[in-house]
């Protein structure tokens, strides 16, 4: 199910800003920047067991888990998959390919019925290029997650 984000934000902007500020990546953004991003987001529901992203595929989406939980896993040695993390409400994924323009570095699967806010690459890149602190924050996150995946 797709949700009209503009209506959601307009109905209760304070609640929505509060929710976005809980996302560590967005904590450095101003209210105006957050509202601009929120208007460009979409909300999608995923059933348990649904693969949201596949390791190795091209990507143009950034996800924030609104409700539910997802598993992040990586393929090692062709067929062996290893769980790297479980992400829950307020966690996010997909920043790596948006920061580095590489392919997906992991597979993400819904463990439970999950709702995610989704932001397209151009919108994400726009904020990244307009806010130096946000860009620096994303580079730190990218480096940390890259190390985590390599050590898996």
Protein backbone atom coordinates (compact mmCIF):
# COMPACT_ATOMS: atom_id res chain seq x y z
CA UNK A 1 0.00 0.00 0.00
CA UNK A 2 1.31 3.42 -0.93
CA UNK A 3 0.57 6.35 1.36
CA UNK A 4 0.26 9.98 0.25
CA UNK A 5 3.09 11.52 2.27
CA UNK A 6 2.05 15.12 1.63
CA UNK A 7 -1.30 14.43 3.28
CA UNK A 8 0.39 12.57 6.13
CA UNK A 9 2.84 15.41 6.77
CA UNK A 10 0.18 18.10 6.38
CA UNK A 11 -2.16 16.34 8.82
CA UNK A 12 0.43 16.27 11.61
CA UNK A 13 3.75 17.96 10.73
CA UNK A 14 5.03 18.03 14.33
CA UNK A 15 4.59 14.26 14.72
CA UNK A 16 6.25 13.60 11.38
CA UNK A 17 9.22 15.88 12.14
CA UNK A 18 9.61 14.14 15.51
CA UNK A 19 9.65 10.75 13.77
CA UNK A 20 12.28 11.85 11.23
CA UNK A 21 14.47 13.42 13.92
CA UNK A 22 14.59 10.03 15.65
CA UNK A 23 16.41 8.73 12.58
CA UNK A 24 20.06 9.32 13.47
CA UNK A 25 21.01 10.17 9.90
CA UNK A 26 18.49 13.01 9.80
CA UNK A 27 19.20 14.45 13.24
CA UNK A 28 21.56 17.05 11.73
CA UNK A 29 18.94 18.44 9.35
CA UNK A 30 16.82 21.52 9.99
CA UNK A 31 13.02 21.34 10.22
CA UNK A 32 12.77 22.97 6.79
CA UNK A 33 15.10 20.37 5.26
CA UNK A 34 13.17 17.55 6.94
CA UNK A 35 9.84 18.87 5.65
CA UNK A 36 11.29 19.13 2.14
CA UNK A 37 12.52 15.53 2.31
CA UNK A 38 9.27 14.26 3.78
CA UNK A 39 7.27 15.69 0.90
CA UNK A 40 9.40 13.66 -1.50
CA UNK A 41 9.11 10.39 0.44
CA UNK A 42 6.62 7.62 -0.13
CA UNK A 43 5.46 5.01 2.34
CA UNK A 44 5.25 1.34 1.35
CA UNK A 45 4.10 -1.79 3.15
CA UNK A 46 6.00 -5.07 2.76
CA UNK A 47 4.78 -8.50 3.85
CA UNK A 48 7.03 -10.69 6.02
CA UNK A 49 9.45 -12.60 3.78
CA UNK A 50 9.54 -9.94 1.05
CA UNK A 51 12.99 -9.04 -0.25
CA UNK A 52 13.28 -5.25 -0.34
CA UNK A 53 16.72 -5.06 -1.95
CA UNK A 54 19.13 -7.65 -3.39
CA UNK A 55 22.88 -7.64 -3.00
CA UNK A 56 24.56 -6.70 -6.28
CA UNK A 57 21.65 -4.87 -7.89
CA UNK A 58 21.69 -1.25 -8.98
CA UNK A 59 19.90 1.03 -6.61
CA UNK A 60 18.21 4.38 -6.35
CA UNK A 61 16.25 4.12 -3.09
CA UNK A 62 16.92 5.01 0.55
CA UNK A 63 14.69 3.30 3.15
CA UNK A 64 13.66 4.20 6.70
CA UNK A 65 11.94 1.46 8.67
CA UNK A 66 8.75 2.97 10.06
CA UNK A 67 7.26 -0.20 11.59
CA UNK A 68 8.37 -3.81 11.67
CA UNK A 69 11.83 -5.31 11.26
CA UNK A 70 14.11 -6.30 8.41
CA UNK A 71 17.15 -8.54 8.19
CA UNK A 72 20.34 -7.41 6.48
CA UNK A 73 22.40 -10.29 5.09
CA UNK A 74 25.39 -10.72 2.80
CA UNK A 75 26.34 -13.56 0.49
CA UNK A 76 29.77 -14.94 1.21
CA UNK A 77 31.53 -17.58 -0.83
CA UNK A 78 28.84 -17.81 -3.51
CA UNK A 79 25.95 -19.47 -1.64
CA UNK A 80 26.46 -18.93 2.08
CA UNK A 81 24.42 -16.06 3.47
CA UNK A 82 25.25 -14.42 6.76
CA UNK A 83 23.01 -12.18 8.85
CA UNK A 84 24.71 -8.86 9.49
CA UNK A 85 21.99 -6.94 11.29
CA UNK A 86 18.33 -6.64 12.15
CA UNK A 87 16.90 -3.16 11.64
CA UNK A 88 13.77 -1.87 13.33
CA UNK A 89 11.68 1.29 13.57
CA UNK A 90 13.86 4.38 13.03
CA UNK A 91 16.72 2.44 11.43
CA UNK A 92 17.59 3.01 7.80
CA UNK A 93 19.39 1.36 4.90
CA UNK A 94 20.32 2.05 1.32
CA UNK A 95 22.61 5.00 1.98
CA UNK A 96 25.72 3.15 0.80
CA UNK A 97 24.80 3.08 -2.86
CA UNK A 98 23.54 6.64 -2.74
CA UNK A 99 26.76 7.93 -1.21
CA UNK A 100 29.16 5.83 -3.31
CA UNK A 101 27.20 5.09 -6.52
CA UNK A 102 28.05 1.39 -6.16
CA UNK A 103 25.82 -1.68 -6.33
CA UNK A 104 23.80 -2.94 -3.33
CA UNK A 105 26.19 -4.42 -0.77
CA UNK A 106 23.60 -6.54 1.06
CA UNK A 107 20.19 -8.15 0.77
CA UNK A 108 17.41 -6.80 2.98
CA UNK A 109 14.36 -8.95 3.76
CA UNK A 110 11.28 -8.14 5.83
CA UNK A 111 11.21 -10.33 8.96
CA UNK A 112 7.73 -9.10 9.88
CA UNK A 113 5.11 -7.10 8.05
CA UNK A 114 7.01 -3.85 7.62
CA UNK A 115 6.29 -0.28 6.59
CA UNK A 116 9.12 1.83 5.18
CA UNK A 117 9.47 5.44 4.13
CA UNK A 118 11.30 5.47 0.79
CA UNK A 119 13.29 8.33 -0.73
CA UNK A 120 14.52 8.40 -4.33
CA UNK A 121 18.20 8.92 -5.08
CA UNK A 122 17.85 12.43 -6.61
CA UNK A 123 16.08 13.70 -3.48
CA UNK A 124 18.64 12.07 -1.19
CA UNK A 125 21.56 13.43 -3.27
CA UNK A 126 20.04 16.91 -3.23
CA UNK A 127 20.03 16.98 0.58
CA UNK A 128 23.47 15.39 0.65
CA UNK A 129 24.88 18.14 -1.56
CA UNK A 130 23.15 20.99 0.28
CA UNK A 131 24.13 20.04 3.83
CA UNK A 132 27.83 19.41 4.50
CA UNK A 133 27.18 18.01 7.98
CA UNK A 134 24.66 15.52 6.60
CA UNK A 135 27.13 14.51 3.88
CA UNK A 136 29.91 13.98 6.42
CA UNK A 137 27.55 11.99 8.65
CA UNK A 138 26.56 9.73 5.73
CA UNK A 139 30.21 9.12 4.83
CA UNK A 140 30.92 7.99 8.40
CA UNK A 141 27.89 5.69 8.34
CA UNK A 142 28.95 4.32 4.94
CA UNK A 143 32.50 3.58 6.17
CA UNK A 144 31.24 1.91 9.34
CA UNK A 145 28.75 -0.28 7.49
CA UNK A 146 31.28 -1.19 4.81
CA UNK A 147 33.64 -2.44 7.54
CA UNK A 148 30.78 -4.33 9.18
CA UNK A 149 29.91 -6.06 5.88
CA UNK A 150 33.53 -6.90 5.12
CA UNK A 151 33.95 -8.46 8.56
CA UNK A 152 30.79 -10.57 8.23
